[in-house]
Amino acid sequence: VDVIESQWNILQSHIQDSHDFTELVGFHQEYLSALISQTFLDIGSVSRILDGIMKLCLQFCWNIENQDNFSNTSELEHIAESTAKGVMNVVRPRPTLPGLNQQ
């Protein structure tokens, strides 16, 4: 949130000082580039982790919404536990295969 807010304020300042549309386009491109780099979305592994977590959150919400009612708390606990395990699988570092030279 801090990244978005600070970059938004910078963009707003540039917009007020701009003189033509071409300048605005350049400022907007700088804004987008700063957001991507400062939120680490340009790092593939981070982007994949965040994407995986968001998909799990959506799946969790879908599971909750599609339950007519929970006959007991164990069903809800099972859904929550499955989601937590999924998140851990997404963020857990992957072991490398022996013999592969990673650079």
N, C-alpha and C. Protein backbone atom coordinates (compact mmCIF):
# COMPACT_ATOMS: atom_id res chain seq x y z
N VAL A 1 0.83 -1.19 0.00
CA VAL A 1 0.00 0.00 0.00
C VAL A 1 0.87 1.25 0.00
N ASP A 2 1.96 1.24 0.76
CA ASP A 2 2.85 2.41 0.79
C ASP A 2 3.45 2.69 -0.58
N VAL A 3 3.82 1.62 -1.28
CA VAL A 3 4.39 1.79 -2.61
C VAL A 3 3.37 2.43 -3.54
N ILE A 4 2.16 1.91 -3.52
CA ILE A 4 1.12 2.43 -4.41
C ILE A 4 0.83 3.89 -4.09
N GLU A 5 0.66 4.18 -2.81
CA GLU A 5 0.32 5.55 -2.42
C GLU A 5 1.44 6.53 -2.76
N SER A 6 2.67 6.17 -2.46
CA SER A 6 3.77 7.11 -2.74
C SER A 6 3.94 7.31 -4.24
N GLN A 7 3.83 6.24 -5.02
CA GLN A 7 3.95 6.38 -6.47
C GLN A 7 2.77 7.16 -7.05
N TRP A 8 1.60 6.97 -6.47
CA TRP A 8 0.42 7.72 -6.93
C TRP A 8 0.63 9.22 -6.70
N ASN A 9 1.16 9.57 -5.53
CA ASN A 9 1.41 10.98 -5.23
C ASN A 9 2.43 11.58 -6.20
N ILE A 10 3.45 10.80 -6.53
CA ILE A 10 4.45 11.27 -7.50
C ILE A 10 3.79 11.48 -8.86
N LEU A 11 2.97 10.51 -9.28
CA LEU A 11 2.27 10.64 -10.56
C LEU A 11 1.38 11.88 -10.57
N GLN A 12 0.63 12.09 -9.50
CA GLN A 12 -0.25 13.26 -9.44
C GLN A 12 0.55 14.56 -9.57
N SER A 13 1.70 14.62 -8.92
CA SER A 13 2.55 15.80 -9.01
C SER A 13 3.03 16.01 -10.45
N HIS A 14 3.45 14.93 -11.09
CA HIS A 14 3.89 15.03 -12.49
C HIS A 14 2.75 15.46 -13.41
N ILE A 15 1.56 14.96 -13.15
CA ILE A 15 0.40 15.32 -13.98
C ILE A 15 0.14 16.83 -13.90
N GLN A 16 0.22 17.37 -12.70
CA GLN A 16 -0.02 18.80 -12.53
C GLN A 16 1.03 19.64 -13.24
N ASP A 17 2.26 19.11 -13.33
CA ASP A 17 3.35 19.86 -13.95
C ASP A 17 3.51 19.58 -15.45
N SER A 18 2.71 18.67 -15.99
CA SER A 18 2.89 18.28 -17.39
C SER A 18 2.36 19.34 -18.34
N HIS A 19 2.90 19.33 -19.55
CA HIS A 19 2.53 20.32 -20.55
C HIS A 19 1.84 19.72 -21.77
N ASP A 20 2.01 18.42 -21.97
CA ASP A 20 1.36 17.81 -23.14
C ASP A 20 1.09 16.32 -22.88
N PHE A 21 0.35 15.74 -23.81
CA PHE A 21 -0.07 14.35 -23.67
C PHE A 21 1.11 13.39 -23.67
N THR A 22 2.10 13.66 -24.48
CA THR A 22 3.27 12.78 -24.56
C THR A 22 3.97 12.71 -23.21
N GLU A 23 4.06 13.83 -22.54
CA GLU A 23 4.65 13.85 -21.20
C GLU A 23 3.82 13.01 -20.23
N LEU A 24 2.50 13.13 -20.32
CA LEU A 24 1.61 12.34 -19.47
C LEU A 24 1.82 10.85 -19.67
N VAL A 25 1.93 10.44 -20.92
CA VAL A 25 2.14 9.02 -21.22
C VAL A 25 3.45 8.55 -20.60
N GLY A 26 4.49 9.36 -20.71
CA GLY A 26 5.78 9.01 -20.11
C GLY A 26 5.70 8.89 -18.60
N PHE A 27 5.02 9.83 -17.96
CA PHE A 27 4.85 9.78 -16.51
C PHE A 27 4.06 8.55 -16.08
N HIS A 28 3.04 8.23 -16.86
CA HIS A 28 2.23 7.05 -16.54
C HIS A 28 3.07 5.78 -16.68
N GLN A 29 3.89 5.71 -17.71
CA GLN A 29 4.76 4.55 -17.90
C GLN A 29 5.75 4.42 -16.74
N GLU A 30 6.32 5.54 -16.30
CA GLU A 30 7.22 5.53 -15.15
C GLU A 30 6.50 5.03 -13.91
N TYR A 31 5.26 5.48 -13.74
CA TYR A 31 4.44 5.06 -12.60
C TYR A 31 4.24 3.54 -12.62
N LEU A 32 3.83 3.01 -13.76
CA LEU A 32 3.61 1.57 -13.86
C LEU A 32 4.89 0.78 -13.63
N SER A 33 5.99 1.25 -14.20
CA SER A 33 7.28 0.57 -14.02
C SER A 33 7.69 0.56 -12.56
N ALA A 34 7.51 1.68 -11.88
CA ALA A 34 7.86 1.76 -10.46
C ALA A 34 7.00 0.82 -9.63
N LEU A 35 5.70 0.77 -9.94
CA LEU A 35 4.82 -0.15 -9.20
C LEU A 35 5.26 -1.59 -9.37
N ILE A 36 5.54 -1.97 -10.60
CA ILE A 36 5.93 -3.35 -10.87
C ILE A 36 7.23 -3.70 -10.16
N SER A 37 8.22 -2.83 -10.26
CA SER A 37 9.52 -3.16 -9.66
C SER A 37 9.49 -3.07 -8.13
N GLN A 38 8.80 -2.09 -7.58
CA GLN A 38 8.80 -1.92 -6.13
C GLN A 38 7.87 -2.89 -5.41
N THR A 39 6.98 -3.54 -6.13
CA THR A 39 6.13 -4.57 -5.52
C THR A 39 6.64 -5.96 -5.86
N PHE A 40 7.81 -6.04 -6.49
CA PHE A 40 8.49 -7.29 -6.83
C PHE A 40 7.72 -8.15 -7.83
N LEU A 41 6.77 -7.56 -8.54
CA LEU A 41 6.01 -8.33 -9.51
C LEU A 41 6.83 -8.65 -10.75
N ASP A 42 7.99 -8.00 -10.90
CA ASP A 42 8.84 -8.32 -12.03
C ASP A 42 9.73 -9.52 -11.75
N ILE A 43 9.68 -10.04 -10.54
CA ILE A 43 10.42 -11.25 -10.18
C ILE A 43 9.44 -12.41 -10.33
N GLY A 44 9.71 -13.27 -11.29
CA GLY A 44 8.78 -14.34 -11.63
C GLY A 44 8.36 -15.20 -10.46
N SER A 45 9.31 -15.55 -9.59
CA SER A 45 8.98 -16.43 -8.47
C SER A 45 8.01 -15.76 -7.51
N VAL A 46 8.20 -14.47 -7.25
CA VAL A 46 7.31 -13.75 -6.34
C VAL A 46 5.93 -13.62 -6.97
N SER A 47 5.91 -13.30 -8.24
CA SER A 47 4.64 -13.16 -8.94
C SER A 47 3.86 -14.48 -8.92
N ARG A 48 4.55 -15.60 -9.15
CA ARG A 48 3.88 -16.91 -9.13
C ARG A 48 3.36 -17.24 -7.73
N ILE A 49 4.13 -16.91 -6.71
CA ILE A 49 3.69 -17.17 -5.33
C ILE A 49 2.43 -16.36 -5.02
N LEU A 50 2.45 -15.07 -5.35
CA LEU A 50 1.28 -14.23 -5.09
C LEU A 50 0.07 -14.71 -5.89
N ASP A 51 0.30 -15.12 -7.13
CA ASP A 51 -0.79 -15.63 -7.96
C ASP A 51 -1.36 -16.91 -7.35
N GLY A 52 -0.48 -17.79 -6.87
CA GLY A 52 -0.94 -19.03 -6.24
C GLY A 52 -1.75 -18.77 -4.98
N ILE A 53 -1.30 -17.83 -4.17
CA ILE A 53 -2.02 -17.50 -2.94
C ILE A 53 -3.38 -16.90 -3.27
N MET A 54 -3.43 -16.02 -4.26
CA MET A 54 -4.72 -15.42 -4.64
C MET A 54 -5.69 -16.49 -5.15
N LYS A 55 -5.20 -17.45 -5.91
CA LYS A 55 -6.06 -18.53 -6.40
C LYS A 55 -6.59 -19.36 -5.24
N LEU A 56 -5.73 -19.63 -4.25
CA LEU A 56 -6.17 -20.37 -3.07
C LEU A 56 -7.22 -19.59 -2.29
N CYS A 57 -7.05 -18.28 -2.18
CA CYS A 57 -8.04 -17.45 -1.48
C CYS A 57 -9.38 -17.50 -2.19
N LEU A 58 -9.35 -17.41 -3.52
CA LEU A 58 -10.59 -17.49 -4.28
C LEU A 58 -11.25 -18.85 -4.13
N GLN A 59 -10.44 -19.90 -4.14
CA GLN A 59 -10.97 -21.25 -3.96
C GLN A 59 -11.59 -21.40 -2.57
N PHE A 60 -10.92 -20.84 -1.56
CA PHE A 60 -11.43 -20.89 -0.19
C PHE A 60 -12.79 -20.19 -0.12
N CYS A 61 -12.88 -18.99 -0.70
CA CYS A 61 -14.15 -18.26 -0.69
C CYS A 61 -15.24 -19.04 -1.42
N TRP A 62 -14.89 -19.64 -2.56
CA TRP A 62 -15.85 -20.43 -3.31
C TRP A 62 -16.35 -21.60 -2.47
N ASN A 63 -15.42 -22.28 -1.78
CA ASN A 63 -15.81 -23.41 -0.93
C ASN A 63 -16.76 -22.98 0.18
N ILE A 64 -16.47 -21.84 0.79
CA ILE A 64 -17.31 -21.34 1.88
C ILE A 64 -18.69 -20.94 1.34
N GLU A 65 -18.70 -20.22 0.22
CA GLU A 65 -19.97 -19.75 -0.34
C GLU A 65 -20.86 -20.90 -0.82
N ASN A 66 -20.26 -22.00 -1.24
CA ASN A 66 -21.04 -23.10 -1.80
C ASN A 66 -21.42 -24.16 -0.77
N GLN A 67 -21.14 -23.90 0.46
CA GLN A 67 -21.61 -24.78 1.53
C GLN A 67 -22.97 -24.25 1.98
N ASP A 68 -23.99 -25.08 1.90
CA ASP A 68 -25.32 -24.64 2.33
C ASP A 68 -25.29 -24.24 3.80
N ASN A 69 -24.79 -25.11 4.58
CA ASN A 69 -24.52 -24.80 5.98
C ASN A 69 -23.55 -25.86 6.48
N PHE A 70 -22.84 -25.52 7.48
CA PHE A 70 -21.87 -26.46 8.03
C PHE A 70 -22.56 -27.25 9.12
N SER A 71 -22.69 -28.56 8.88
CA SER A 71 -23.36 -29.39 9.88
C SER A 71 -22.52 -29.48 11.15
N ASN A 72 -21.23 -29.35 10.99
CA ASN A 72 -20.36 -29.29 12.17
C ASN A 72 -19.12 -28.49 11.82
N THR A 73 -18.38 -28.13 12.82
CA THR A 73 -17.21 -27.29 12.59
C THR A 73 -16.08 -28.05 11.91
N SER A 74 -16.13 -29.37 11.90
CA SER A 74 -15.04 -30.12 11.28
C SER A 74 -14.96 -29.86 9.77
N GLU A 75 -16.10 -29.63 9.11
CA GLU A 75 -16.08 -29.32 7.68
C GLU A 75 -15.36 -28.00 7.43
N LEU A 76 -15.69 -26.98 8.22
CA LEU A 76 -15.04 -25.68 8.09
C LEU A 76 -13.55 -25.79 8.41
N GLU A 77 -13.22 -26.54 9.45
CA GLU A 77 -11.82 -26.73 9.82
C GLU A 77 -11.06 -27.44 8.69
N HIS A 78 -11.71 -28.40 8.04
CA HIS A 78 -11.06 -29.13 6.94
C HIS A 78 -10.77 -28.18 5.78
N ILE A 79 -11.72 -27.32 5.44
CA ILE A 79 -11.52 -26.36 4.35
C ILE A 79 -10.39 -25.40 4.71
N ALA A 80 -10.39 -24.89 5.93
CA ALA A 80 -9.35 -23.96 6.37
C ALA A 80 -7.98 -24.64 6.38
N GLU A 81 -7.93 -25.87 6.84
CA GLU A 81 -6.67 -26.61 6.89
C GLU A 81 -6.14 -26.88 5.48
N SER A 82 -7.02 -27.26 4.58
CA SER A 82 -6.61 -27.51 3.19
C SER A 82 -6.05 -26.24 2.55
N THR A 83 -6.70 -25.12 2.83
CA THR A 83 -6.23 -23.85 2.29
C THR A 83 -4.86 -23.49 2.87
N ALA A 84 -4.69 -23.67 4.17
CA ALA A 84 -3.41 -23.37 4.81
C ALA A 84 -2.30 -24.25 4.24
N LYS A 85 -2.58 -25.53 4.03
CA LYS A 85 -1.59 -26.43 3.44
C LYS A 85 -1.24 -25.97 2.02
N GLY A 86 -2.25 -25.55 1.28
CA GLY A 86 -2.00 -25.06 -0.07
C GLY A 86 -1.10 -23.84 -0.07
N VAL A 87 -1.33 -22.92 0.85
CA VAL A 87 -0.48 -21.73 0.95
C VAL A 87 0.95 -22.13 1.28
N MET A 88 1.11 -23.05 2.21
CA MET A 88 2.45 -23.50 2.57
C MET A 88 3.15 -24.15 1.38
N ASN A 89 2.42 -24.90 0.59
CA ASN A 89 3.02 -25.52 -0.60
C ASN A 89 3.45 -24.48 -1.62
N VAL A 90 2.72 -23.39 -1.69
CA VAL A 90 3.05 -22.33 -2.65
C VAL A 90 4.30 -21.58 -2.21
N VAL A 91 4.41 -21.26 -0.92
CA VAL A 91 5.52 -20.42 -0.46
C VAL A 91 6.76 -21.20 -0.04
N ARG A 92 6.63 -22.50 0.14
CA ARG A 92 7.77 -23.31 0.56
C ARG A 92 8.80 -23.36 -0.56
N PRO A 93 10.08 -23.15 -0.21
CA PRO A 93 11.12 -23.23 -1.25
C PRO A 93 11.17 -24.64 -1.84
N ARG A 94 11.39 -24.70 -3.13
CA ARG A 94 11.48 -25.97 -3.82
C ARG A 94 12.90 -26.50 -3.75
N PRO A 95 13.07 -27.76 -3.38
CA PRO A 95 14.44 -28.32 -3.39
C PRO A 95 14.92 -28.46 -4.83
N THR A 96 16.20 -28.27 -5.02
CA THR A 96 16.75 -28.43 -6.36
C THR A 96 17.16 -29.88 -6.56
N LEU A 97 17.14 -30.30 -7.78
CA LEU A 97 17.55 -31.66 -8.10
C LEU A 97 19.07 -31.76 -8.04
N PRO A 98 19.59 -32.86 -7.46
CA PRO A 98 21.04 -33.01 -7.41
C PRO A 98 21.61 -33.09 -8.83
N GLY A 99 22.77 -32.53 -9.00
CA GLY A 99 23.43 -32.60 -10.29
C GLY A 99 23.08 -31.47 -11.24
N LEU A 100 22.09 -30.66 -10.89
CA LEU A 100 21.75 -29.53 -11.73
C LEU A 100 22.51 -28.31 -11.24
N ASN A 101 23.17 -27.67 -12.13
CA ASN A 101 23.91 -26.47 -11.78
C ASN A 101 22.99 -25.27 -11.98
N GLN A 102 22.56 -24.66 -10.88
CA GLN A 102 21.66 -23.52 -10.98
C GLN A 102 22.46 -22.23 -10.89
N GLN A 103 22.23 -21.38 -11.85
CA GLN A 103 22.92 -20.09 -11.85
C GLN A 103 21.94 -18.99 -12.04
